Amino acid sequence: MQKSATLNLRVDPEVKQSAESVLSQLGLSMSTAVDMFLRQVSLTGGIPFRVALPEAPRPIEVDSMTDGQLVEALSRGLREAEEGRGVEASAAFSRMREELFGA
């Protein structure tokens, strides 16, 4: 099938460059990737992936917890930190500042 329609898109230059890098490794051009996306939209009748906000961790309601529930929540957090599944506070705050203020 011959391609004759043209799309003009404005995207963040860094996002474009990053996507082009990944697509290049996959042996795909940006045009082919966009064509694949649009075909999937047509085939599925919608966006072909889940579109949602990331789930934020639920706040811990300390006032409504029993002593046992509080100890379990604190123990779970300690285990995660010991397993390296946490982030140092300074790194977390730096990332938040960067995402919020671009600094």
PDB file of N, CA and C in Angstrom:
ATOM      1  N   MET A   1       0.845  -1.173   0.000  1.00  0.00           N
ATOM      2  CA  MET A   1       0.000   0.000   0.000  1.00  0.00           C
ATOM      3  C   MET A   1       0.891   1.236   0.000  1.00  0.00           C
ATOM      4  N   GLN A   2       0.596   2.155  -0.905  1.00  0.00           N
ATOM      5  CA  GLN A   2       1.394   3.358  -1.015  1.00  0.00           C
ATOM      6  C   GLN A   2       1.019   4.361   0.068  1.00  0.00           C
ATOM      7  N   LYS A   3       2.027   4.980   0.642  1.00  0.00           N
ATOM      8  CA  LYS A   3       1.800   5.976   1.684  1.00  0.00           C
ATOM      9  C   LYS A   3       1.840   7.356   1.050  1.00  0.00           C
ATOM     10  N   SER A   4       0.776   8.136   1.271  1.00  0.00           N
ATOM     11  CA  SER A   4       0.756   9.455   0.669  1.00  0.00           C
ATOM     12  C   SER A   4       0.309  10.550   1.631  1.00  0.00           C
ATOM     13  N   ALA A   5      -0.187  10.203   2.815  1.00  0.00           N
ATOM     14  CA  ALA A   5      -0.612  11.216   3.780  1.00  0.00           C
ATOM     15  C   ALA A   5       0.594  11.691   4.580  1.00  0.00           C
ATOM     16  N   THR A   6       0.571  12.963   4.949  1.00  0.00           N
ATOM     17  CA  THR A   6       1.669  13.550   5.706  1.00  0.00           C
ATOM     18  C   THR A   6       1.157  14.029   7.049  1.00  0.00           C
ATOM     19  N   LEU A   7       1.923  13.756   8.103  1.00  0.00           N
ATOM     20  CA  LEU A   7       1.626  14.261   9.439  1.00  0.00           C
ATOM     21  C   LEU A   7       2.734  15.219   9.836  1.00  0.00           C
ATOM     22  N   ASN A   8       2.364  16.353  10.397  1.00  0.00           N
ATOM     23  CA  ASN A   8       3.334  17.278  10.971  1.00  0.00           C
ATOM     24  C   ASN A   8       3.069  17.314  12.464  1.00  0.00           C
ATOM     25  N   LEU A   9       4.063  16.923  13.251  1.00  0.00           N
ATOM     26  CA  LEU A   9       3.891  16.819  14.696  1.00  0.00           C
ATOM     27  C   LEU A   9       4.912  17.678  15.420  1.00  0.00           C
ATOM     28  N   ARG A  10       4.498  18.223  16.564  1.00  0.00           N
ATOM     29  CA  ARG A  10       5.430  18.936  17.435  1.00  0.00           C
ATOM     30  C   ARG A  10       5.610  18.079  18.682  1.00  0.00           C
ATOM     31  N   VAL A  11       6.850  17.748  18.963  1.00  0.00           N
ATOM     32  CA  VAL A  11       7.164  16.943  20.144  1.00  0.00           C
ATOM     33  C   VAL A  11       8.387  17.527  20.827  1.00  0.00           C
ATOM     34  N   ASP A  12       8.556  17.159  22.072  1.00  0.00           N
ATOM     35  CA  ASP A  12       9.729  17.567  22.835  1.00  0.00           C
ATOM     36  C   ASP A  12      10.971  16.998  22.137  1.00  0.00           C
ATOM     37  N   PRO A  13      11.960  17.840  21.819  1.00  0.00           N
ATOM     38  CA  PRO A  13      13.148  17.365  21.100  1.00  0.00           C
ATOM     39  C   PRO A  13      13.884  16.229  21.818  1.00  0.00           C
ATOM     40  N   GLU A  14      13.933  16.277  23.141  1.00  0.00           N
ATOM     41  CA  GLU A  14      14.617  15.203  23.877  1.00  0.00           C
ATOM     42  C   GLU A  14      13.860  13.890  23.768  1.00  0.00           C
ATOM     43  N   VAL A  15      12.534  13.961  23.807  1.00  0.00           N
ATOM     44  CA  VAL A  15      11.712  12.754  23.665  1.00  0.00           C
ATOM     45  C   VAL A  15      11.909  12.175  22.266  1.00  0.00           C
ATOM     46  N   LYS A  16      11.906  13.038  21.269  1.00  0.00           N
ATOM     47  CA  LYS A  16      12.112  12.587  19.882  1.00  0.00           C
ATOM     48  C   LYS A  16      13.459  11.893  19.730  1.00  0.00           C
ATOM     49  N   GLN A  17      14.502  12.535  20.248  1.00  0.00           N
ATOM     50  CA  GLN A  17      15.847  11.968  20.125  1.00  0.00           C
ATOM     51  C   GLN A  17      15.942  10.623  20.838  1.00  0.00           C
ATOM     52  N   SER A  18      15.378  10.540  22.028  1.00  0.00           N
ATOM     53  CA  SER A  18      15.395   9.290  22.781  1.00  0.00           C
ATOM     54  C   SER A  18      14.634   8.193  22.040  1.00  0.00           C
ATOM     55  N   ALA A  19      13.467   8.541  21.512  1.00  0.00           N
ATOM     56  CA  ALA A  19      12.672   7.558  20.767  1.00  0.00           C
ATOM     57  C   ALA A  19      13.397   7.110  19.507  1.00  0.00           C
ATOM     58  N   GLU A  20      14.006   8.049  18.793  1.00  0.00           N
ATOM     59  CA  GLU A  20      14.749   7.691  17.584  1.00  0.00           C
ATOM     60  C   GLU A  20      15.886   6.735  17.894  1.00  0.00           C
ATOM     61  N   SER A  21      16.540   6.944  19.019  1.00  0.00           N
ATOM     62  CA  SER A  21      17.626   6.058  19.422  1.00  0.00           C
ATOM     63  C   SER A  21      17.125   4.633  19.642  1.00  0.00           C
ATOM     64  N   VAL A  22      16.014   4.516  20.357  1.00  0.00           N
ATOM     65  CA  VAL A  22      15.436   3.190  20.619  1.00  0.00           C
ATOM     66  C   VAL A  22      14.967   2.562  19.313  1.00  0.00           C
ATOM     67  N   LEU A  23      14.257   3.331  18.503  1.00  0.00           N
ATOM     68  CA  LEU A  23      13.732   2.792  17.238  1.00  0.00           C
ATOM     69  C   LEU A  23      14.855   2.354  16.316  1.00  0.00           C
ATOM     70  N   SER A  24      15.940   3.106  16.297  1.00  0.00           N
ATOM     71  CA  SER A  24      17.095   2.743  15.481  1.00  0.00           C
ATOM     72  C   SER A  24      17.642   1.382  15.892  1.00  0.00           C
ATOM     73  N   GLN A  25      17.712   1.152  17.189  1.00  0.00           N
ATOM     74  CA  GLN A  25      18.186  -0.144  17.689  1.00  0.00           C
ATOM     75  C   GLN A  25      17.246  -1.275  17.284  1.00  0.00           C
ATOM     76  N   LEU A  26      15.974  -0.941  17.101  1.00  0.00           N
ATOM     77  CA  LEU A  26      14.984  -1.939  16.682  1.00  0.00           C
ATOM     78  C   LEU A  26      14.910  -2.060  15.158  1.00  0.00           C
ATOM     79  N   GLY A  27      15.669  -1.209  14.451  1.00  0.00           N
ATOM     80  CA  GLY A  27      15.655  -1.240  12.993  1.00  0.00           C
ATOM     81  C   GLY A  27      14.411  -0.582  12.404  1.00  0.00           C
ATOM     82  N   LEU A  28      13.822   0.365  13.145  1.00  0.00           N
ATOM     83  CA  LEU A  28      12.602   1.036  12.691  1.00  0.00           C
ATOM     84  C   LEU A  28      12.844   2.530  12.547  1.00  0.00           C
ATOM     85  N   SER A  29      12.174   3.124  11.584  1.00  0.00           N
ATOM     86  CA  SER A  29      12.203   4.578  11.458  1.00  0.00           C
ATOM     87  C   SER A  29      11.053   5.156  12.271  1.00  0.00           C
ATOM     88  N   MET A  30      11.125   6.456  12.526  1.00  0.00           N
ATOM     89  CA  MET A  30      10.040   7.127  13.232  1.00  0.00           C
ATOM     90  C   MET A  30       8.747   6.999  12.434  1.00  0.00           C
ATOM     91  N   SER A  31       8.844   7.133  11.131  1.00  0.00           N
ATOM     92  CA  SER A  31       7.673   7.034  10.272  1.00  0.00           C
ATOM     93  C   SER A  31       7.015   5.657  10.382  1.00  0.00           C
ATOM     94  N   THR A  32       7.829   4.616  10.374  1.00  0.00           N
ATOM     95  CA  THR A  32       7.295   3.251  10.495  1.00  0.00           C
ATOM     96  C   THR A  32       6.655   3.046  11.862  1.00  0.00           C
ATOM     97  N   ALA A  33       7.291   3.571  12.915  1.00  0.00           N
ATOM     98  CA  ALA A  33       6.745   3.417  14.263  1.00  0.00           C
ATOM     99  C   ALA A  33       5.400   4.133  14.396  1.00  0.00           C
ATOM    100  N   VAL A  34       5.296   5.345  13.856  1.00  0.00           N
ATOM    101  CA  VAL A  34       4.032   6.078  13.912  1.00  0.00           C
ATOM    102  C   VAL A  34       2.975   5.338  13.104  1.00  0.00           C
ATOM    103  N   ASP A  35       3.351   4.818  11.950  1.00  0.00           N
ATOM    104  CA  ASP A  35       2.418   4.042  11.130  1.00  0.00           C
ATOM    105  C   ASP A  35       1.926   2.813  11.897  1.00  0.00           C
ATOM    106  N   MET A  36       2.835   2.128  12.578  1.00  0.00           N
ATOM    107  CA  MET A  36       2.452   0.953  13.377  1.00  0.00           C
ATOM    108  C   MET A  36       1.472   1.356  14.476  1.00  0.00           C
ATOM    109  N   PHE A  37       1.762   2.473  15.148  1.00  0.00           N
ATOM    110  CA  PHE A  37       0.884   2.953  16.210  1.00  0.00           C
ATOM    111  C   PHE A  37      -0.510   3.233  15.656  1.00  0.00           C
ATOM    112  N   LEU A  38      -0.596   3.969  14.540  1.00  0.00           N
ATOM    113  CA  LEU A  38      -1.888   4.325  13.970  1.00  0.00           C
ATOM    114  C   LEU A  38      -2.655   3.088  13.502  1.00  0.00           C
ATOM    115  N   ARG A  39      -1.948   2.105  12.977  1.00  0.00           N
ATOM    116  CA  ARG A  39      -2.615   0.854  12.583  1.00  0.00           C
ATOM    117  C   ARG A  39      -3.201   0.142  13.809  1.00  0.00           C
ATOM    118  N   GLN A  40      -2.466   0.143  14.908  1.00  0.00           N
ATOM    119  CA  GLN A  40      -2.964  -0.489  16.127  1.00  0.00           C
ATOM    120  C   GLN A  40      -4.174   0.266  16.680  1.00  0.00           C
ATOM    121  N   VAL A  41      -4.160   1.591  16.592  1.00  0.00           N
ATOM    122  CA  VAL A  41      -5.321   2.382  17.003  1.00  0.00           C
ATOM    123  C   VAL A  41      -6.540   1.951  16.188  1.00  0.00           C
ATOM    124  N   SER A  42      -6.352   1.813  14.877  1.00  0.00           N
ATOM    125  CA  SER A  42      -7.457   1.393  14.007  1.00  0.00           C
ATOM    126  C   SER A  42      -7.932  -0.015  14.326  1.00  0.00           C
ATOM    127  N   LEU A  43      -6.992  -0.916  14.549  1.00  0.00           N
ATOM    128  CA  LEU A  43      -7.346  -2.317  14.815  1.00  0.00           C
ATOM    129  C   LEU A  43      -8.023  -2.513  16.166  1.00  0.00           C
ATOM    130  N   THR A  44      -7.551  -1.789  17.170  1.00  0.00           N
ATOM    131  CA  THR A  44      -8.076  -1.989  18.525  1.00  0.00           C
ATOM    132  C   THR A  44      -9.223  -1.046  18.859  1.00  0.00           C
ATOM    133  N   GLY A  45      -9.412  -0.010  18.054  1.00  0.00           N
ATOM    134  CA  GLY A  45     -10.469   0.946  18.330  1.00  0.00           C
ATOM    135  C   GLY A  45     -10.129   1.880  19.481  1.00  0.00           C
ATOM    136  N   GLY A  46      -8.862   2.065  19.746  1.00  0.00           N
ATOM    137  CA  GLY A  46      -8.432   2.945  20.837  1.00  0.00           C
ATOM    138  C   GLY A  46      -6.925   2.979  20.911  1.00  0.00           C
ATOM    139  N   ILE A  47      -6.436   3.615  21.935  1.00  0.00           N
ATOM    140  CA  ILE A  47      -4.990   3.660  22.141  1.00  0.00           C
ATOM    141  C   ILE A  47      -4.539   2.265  22.564  1.00  0.00           C
ATOM    142  N   PRO A  48      -3.521   1.716  21.928  1.00  0.00           N
ATOM    143  CA  PRO A  48      -3.156   0.312  22.152  1.00  0.00           C
ATOM    144  C   PRO A  48      -2.314   0.041  23.398  1.00  0.00           C
ATOM    145  N   PHE A  49      -2.404   0.900  24.374  1.00  0.00           N
ATOM    146  CA  PHE A  49      -1.745   0.682  25.657  1.00  0.00           C
ATOM    147  C   PHE A  49      -2.519   1.435  26.714  1.00  0.00           C
ATOM    148  N   ARG A  50      -2.284   1.078  27.956  1.00  0.00           N
ATOM    149  CA  ARG A  50      -2.994   1.698  29.070  1.00  0.00           C
ATOM    150  C   ARG A  50      -2.519   3.137  29.254  1.00  0.00           C
ATOM    151  N   VAL A  51      -3.460   4.059  29.339  1.00  0.00           N
ATOM    152  CA  VAL A  51      -3.137   5.458  29.595  1.00  0.00           C
ATOM    153  C   VAL A  51      -3.696   5.795  30.966  1.00  0.00           C
ATOM    154  N   ALA A  52      -2.799   6.018  31.918  1.00  0.00           N
ATOM    155  CA  ALA A  52      -3.234   6.287  33.286  1.00  0.00           C
ATOM    156  C   ALA A  52      -2.127   7.011  34.024  1.00  0.00           C
ATOM    157  N   LEU A  53      -2.513   7.695  35.062  1.00  0.00           N
ATOM    158  CA  LEU A  53      -1.528   8.306  35.941  1.00  0.00           C
ATOM    159  C   LEU A  53      -0.857   7.215  36.756  1.00  0.00           C
ATOM    160  N   PRO A  54       0.424   7.362  37.073  1.00  0.00           N
ATOM    161  CA  PRO A  54       1.064   6.360  37.911  1.00  0.00           C
ATOM    162  C   PRO A  54       0.392   6.329  39.280  1.00  0.00           C
ATOM    163  N   GLU A  55       0.315   5.146  39.819  1.00  0.00           N
ATOM    164  CA  GLU A  55      -0.308   5.010  41.129  1.00  0.00           C
ATOM    165  C   GLU A  55       0.640   5.515  42.207  1.00  0.00           C
ATOM    166  N   ALA A  56       0.156   6.432  42.989  1.00  0.00           N
ATOM    167  CA  ALA A  56       0.945   6.959  44.103  1.00  0.00           C
ATOM    168  C   ALA A  56       0.758   6.039  45.301  1.00  0.00           C
ATOM    169  N   PRO A  57       1.787   5.888  46.095  1.00  0.00           N
ATOM    170  CA  PRO A  57       1.622   5.070  47.297  1.00  0.00           C
ATOM    171  C   PRO A  57       0.542   5.669  48.193  1.00  0.00           C
ATOM    172  N   ARG A  58      -0.233   4.811  48.775  1.00  0.00           N
ATOM    173  CA  ARG A  58      -1.275   5.286  49.691  1.00  0.00           C
ATOM    174  C   ARG A  58      -0.639   5.796  50.974  1.00  0.00           C
ATOM    175  N   PRO A  59      -1.139   6.920  51.478  1.00  0.00           N
ATOM    176  CA  PRO A  59      -0.586   7.411  52.742  1.00  0.00           C
ATOM    177  C   PRO A  59      -0.931   6.458  53.879  1.00  0.00           C
ATOM    178  N   ILE A  60      -0.056   6.404  54.841  1.00  0.00           N
ATOM    179  CA  ILE A  60      -0.301   5.559  56.008  1.00  0.00           C
ATOM    180  C   ILE A  60      -1.120   6.364  57.007  1.00  0.00           C
ATOM    181  N   GLU A  61      -2.296   5.873  57.344  1.00  0.00           N
ATOM    182  CA  GLU A  61      -3.200   6.531  58.297  1.00  0.00           C
ATOM    183  C   GLU A  61      -2.861   6.021  59.696  1.00  0.00           C
ATOM    184  N   VAL A  62      -1.837   6.570  60.292  1.00  0.00           N
ATOM    185  CA  VAL A  62      -1.337   6.094  61.579  1.00  0.00           C
ATOM    186  C   VAL A  62      -2.414   6.136  62.657  1.00  0.00           C
ATOM    187  N   ASP A  63      -3.229   7.187  62.660  1.00  0.00           N
ATOM    188  CA  ASP A  63      -4.250   7.338  63.707  1.00  0.00           C
ATOM    189  C   ASP A  63      -5.293   6.227  63.690  1.00  0.00           C
ATOM    190  N   SER A  64      -5.519   5.629  62.515  1.00  0.00           N
ATOM    191  CA  SER A  64      -6.546   4.590  62.431  1.00  0.00           C
ATOM    192  C   SER A  64      -5.962   3.181  62.489  1.00  0.00           C
ATOM    193  N   MET A  65      -4.638   3.055  62.704  1.00  0.00           N
ATOM    194  CA  MET A  65      -3.978   1.748  62.725  1.00  0.00           C
ATOM    195  C   MET A  65      -3.853   1.215  64.152  1.00  0.00           C
ATOM    196  N   THR A  66      -3.917  -0.098  64.236  1.00  0.00           N
ATOM    197  CA  THR A  66      -3.617  -0.730  65.518  1.00  0.00           C
ATOM    198  C   THR A  66      -2.106  -0.732  65.692  1.00  0.00           C
ATOM    199  N   ASP A  67      -1.648  -1.019  66.892  1.00  0.00           N
ATOM    200  CA  ASP A  67      -0.200  -1.105  67.121  1.00  0.00           C
ATOM    201  C   ASP A  67       0.418  -2.162  66.212  1.00  0.00           C
ATOM    202  N   GLY A  68      -0.254  -3.269  66.043  1.00  0.00           N
ATOM    203  CA  GLY A  68       0.254  -4.349  65.195  1.00  0.00           C
ATOM    204  C   GLY A  68       0.374  -3.927  63.736  1.00  0.00           C
ATOM    205  N   GLN A  69      -0.628  -3.193  63.233  1.00  0.00           N
ATOM    206  CA  GLN A  69      -0.588  -2.717  61.851  1.00  0.00           C
ATOM    207  C   GLN A  69       0.544  -1.706  61.657  1.00  0.00           C
ATOM    208  N   LEU A  70       0.744  -0.854  62.637  1.00  0.00           N
ATOM    209  CA  LEU A  70       1.809   0.140  62.551  1.00  0.00           C
ATOM    210  C   LEU A  70       3.179  -0.539  62.542  1.00  0.00           C
ATOM    211  N   VAL A  71       3.361  -1.509  63.427  1.00  0.00           N
ATOM    212  CA  VAL A  71       4.632  -2.246  63.474  1.00  0.00           C
ATOM    213  C   VAL A  71       4.863  -2.957  62.144  1.00  0.00           C
ATOM    214  N   GLU A  72       3.818  -3.554  61.561  1.00  0.00           N
ATOM    215  CA  GLU A  72       3.960  -4.243  60.278  1.00  0.00           C
ATOM    216  C   GLU A  72       4.336  -3.268  59.163  1.00  0.00           C
ATOM    217  N   ALA A  73       3.704  -2.098  59.130  1.00  0.00           N
ATOM    218  CA  ALA A  73       4.024  -1.111  58.101  1.00  0.00           C
ATOM    219  C   ALA A  73       5.468  -0.628  58.241  1.00  0.00           C
ATOM    220  N   LEU A  74       5.898  -0.356  59.458  1.00  0.00           N
ATOM    221  CA  LEU A  74       7.273   0.074  59.685  1.00  0.00           C
ATOM    222  C   LEU A  74       8.267  -1.033  59.347  1.00  0.00           C
ATOM    223  N   SER A  75       7.929  -2.268  59.699  1.00  0.00           N
ATOM    224  CA  SER A  75       8.804  -3.409  59.391  1.00  0.00           C
ATOM    225  C   SER A  75       8.927  -3.611  57.887  1.00  0.00           C
ATOM    226  N   ARG A  76       7.815  -3.451  57.174  1.00  0.00           N
ATOM    227  CA  ARG A  76       7.834  -3.596  55.709  1.00  0.00           C
ATOM    228  C   ARG A  76       8.742  -2.534  55.095  1.00  0.00           C
ATOM    229  N   GLY A  77       8.645  -1.299  55.578  1.00  0.00           N
ATOM    230  CA  GLY A  77       9.508  -0.235  55.081  1.00  0.00           C
ATOM    231  C   GLY A  77      10.971  -0.507  55.362  1.00  0.00           C
ATOM    232  N   LEU A  78      11.266  -1.011  56.540  1.00  0.00           N
ATOM    233  CA  LEU A  78      12.640  -1.341  56.912  1.00  0.00           C
ATOM    234  C   LEU A  78      13.181  -2.458  56.021  1.00  0.00           C
ATOM    235  N   ARG A  79      12.367  -3.499  55.783  1.00  0.00           N
ATOM    236  CA  ARG A  79      12.794  -4.595  54.889  1.00  0.00           C
ATOM    237  C   ARG A  79      13.098  -4.070  53.489  1.00  0.00           C
ATOM    238  N   GLU A  80      12.233  -3.207  52.971  1.00  0.00           N
ATOM    239  CA  GLU A  80      12.454  -2.647  51.633  1.00  0.00           C
ATOM    240  C   GLU A  80      13.767  -1.865  51.585  1.00  0.00           C
ATOM    241  N   ALA A  81      14.042  -1.088  52.620  1.00  0.00           N
ATOM    242  CA  ALA A  81      15.294  -0.324  52.670  1.00  0.00           C
ATOM    243  C   ALA A  81      16.495  -1.260  52.738  1.00  0.00           C
ATOM    244  N   GLU A  82      16.404  -2.303  53.557  1.00  0.00           N
ATOM    245  CA  GLU A  82      17.511  -3.259  53.688  1.00  0.00           C
ATOM    246  C   GLU A  82      17.745  -4.034  52.394  1.00  0.00           C
ATOM    247  N   GLU A  83      16.697  -4.225  51.601  1.00  0.00           N
ATOM    248  CA  GLU A  83      16.816  -4.931  50.327  1.00  0.00           C
ATOM    249  C   GLU A  83      17.241  -4.002  49.196  1.00  0.00           C
ATOM    250  N   GLY A  84      17.462  -2.738  49.517  1.00  0.00           N
ATOM    251  CA  GLY A  84      17.897  -1.780  48.506  1.00  0.00           C
ATOM    252  C   GLY A  84      16.771  -1.286  47.615  1.00  0.00           C
ATOM    253  N   ARG A  85      15.538  -1.447  48.046  1.00  0.00           N
ATOM    254  CA  ARG A  85      14.409  -1.013  47.227  1.00  0.00           C
ATOM    255  C   ARG A  85      13.986   0.408  47.552  1.00  0.00           C
ATOM    256  N   GLY A  86      14.797   1.106  48.293  1.00  0.00           N
ATOM    257  CA  GLY A  86      14.483   2.484  48.646  1.00  0.00           C
ATOM    258  C   GLY A  86      15.416   3.444  47.939  1.00  0.00           C
ATOM    259  N   VAL A  87      15.186   4.714  48.167  1.00  0.00           N
ATOM    260  CA  VAL A  87      16.016   5.770  47.605  1.00  0.00           C
ATOM    261  C   VAL A  87      16.407   6.688  48.752  1.00  0.00           C
ATOM    262  N   GLU A  88      17.649   7.120  48.755  1.00  0.00           N
ATOM    263  CA  GLU A  88      18.084   8.038  49.799  1.00  0.00           C
ATOM    264  C   GLU A  88      17.249   9.314  49.724  1.00  0.00           C
ATOM    265  N   ALA A  89      16.955   9.892  50.873  1.00  0.00           N
ATOM    266  CA  ALA A  89      16.093  11.074  50.943  1.00  0.00           C
ATOM    267  C   ALA A  89      16.655  12.211  50.090  1.00  0.00           C
ATOM    268  N   SER A  90      17.957  12.436  50.132  1.00  0.00           N
ATOM    269  CA  SER A  90      18.538  13.542  49.360  1.00  0.00           C
ATOM    270  C   SER A  90      18.320  13.329  47.862  1.00  0.00           C
ATOM    271  N   ALA A  91      18.447  12.090  47.406  1.00  0.00           N
ATOM    272  CA  ALA A  91      18.216  11.794  45.989  1.00  0.00           C
ATOM    273  C   ALA A  91      16.747  11.952  45.633  1.00  0.00           C
ATOM    274  N   ALA A  92      15.865  11.529  46.524  1.00  0.00           N
ATOM    275  CA  ALA A  92      14.426  11.657  46.274  1.00  0.00           C
ATOM    276  C   ALA A  92      14.028  13.125  46.192  1.00  0.00           C
ATOM    277  N   PHE A  93      14.535  13.947  47.111  1.00  0.00           N
ATOM    278  CA  PHE A  93      14.190  15.366  47.094  1.00  0.00           C
ATOM    279  C   PHE A  93      14.788  16.059  45.875  1.00  0.00           C
ATOM    280  N   SER A  94      15.995  15.682  45.475  1.00  0.00           N
ATOM    281  CA  SER A  94      16.594  16.261  44.267  1.00  0.00           C
ATOM    282  C   SER A  94      15.746  15.938  43.044  1.00  0.00           C
ATOM    283  N   ARG A  95      15.304  14.693  42.963  1.00  0.00           N
ATOM    284  CA  ARG A  95      14.466  14.285  41.828  1.00  0.00           C
ATOM    285  C   ARG A  95      13.140  15.038  41.826  1.00  0.00           C
ATOM    286  N   MET A  96      12.544  15.214  43.007  1.00  0.00           N
ATOM    287  CA  MET A  96      11.284  15.950  43.087  1.00  0.00           C
ATOM    288  C   MET A  96      11.467  17.397  42.643  1.00  0.00           C
ATOM    289  N   ARG A  97      12.551  18.044  43.101  1.00  0.00           N
ATOM    290  CA  ARG A  97      12.807  19.428  42.704  1.00  0.00           C
ATOM    291  C   ARG A  97      12.991  19.512  41.189  1.00  0.00           C
ATOM    292  N   GLU A  98      13.730  18.553  40.630  1.00  0.00           N
ATOM    293  CA  GLU A  98      13.976  18.547  39.189  1.00  0.00           C
ATOM    294  C   GLU A  98      12.674  18.393  38.410  1.00  0.00           C
ATOM    295  N   GLU A  99      11.816  17.465  38.850  1.00  0.00           N
ATOM    296  CA  GLU A  99      10.558  17.240  38.156  1.00  0.00           C
ATOM    297  C   GLU A  99       9.597  18.409  38.318  1.00  0.00           C
ATOM    298  N   LEU A 100       9.590  19.031  39.480  1.00  0.00           N
ATOM    299  CA  LEU A 100       8.661  20.125  39.742  1.00  0.00           C
ATOM    300  C   LEU A 100       9.128  21.461  39.164  1.00  0.00           C
ATOM    301  N   PHE A 101      10.428  21.720  39.274  1.00  0.00           N
ATOM    302  CA  PHE A 101      10.923  23.041  38.935  1.00  0.00           C
ATOM    303  C   PHE A 101      11.941  23.033  37.799  1.00  0.00           C
ATOM    304  N   GLY A 102      12.317  21.851  37.314  1.00  0.00           N
ATOM    305  CA  GLY A 102      13.300  21.771  36.256  1.00  0.00           C
ATOM    306  C   GLY A 102      14.680  22.201  36.678  1.00  0.00           C
ATOM    307  N   ALA A 103      14.947  22.135  37.995  1.00  0.00           N
ATOM    308  CA  ALA A 103      16.258  22.569  38.500  1.00  0.00           C
ATOM    309  C   ALA A 103      16.987  21.428  39.158  1.00  0.00           C
TER     310      ALA A 103
END
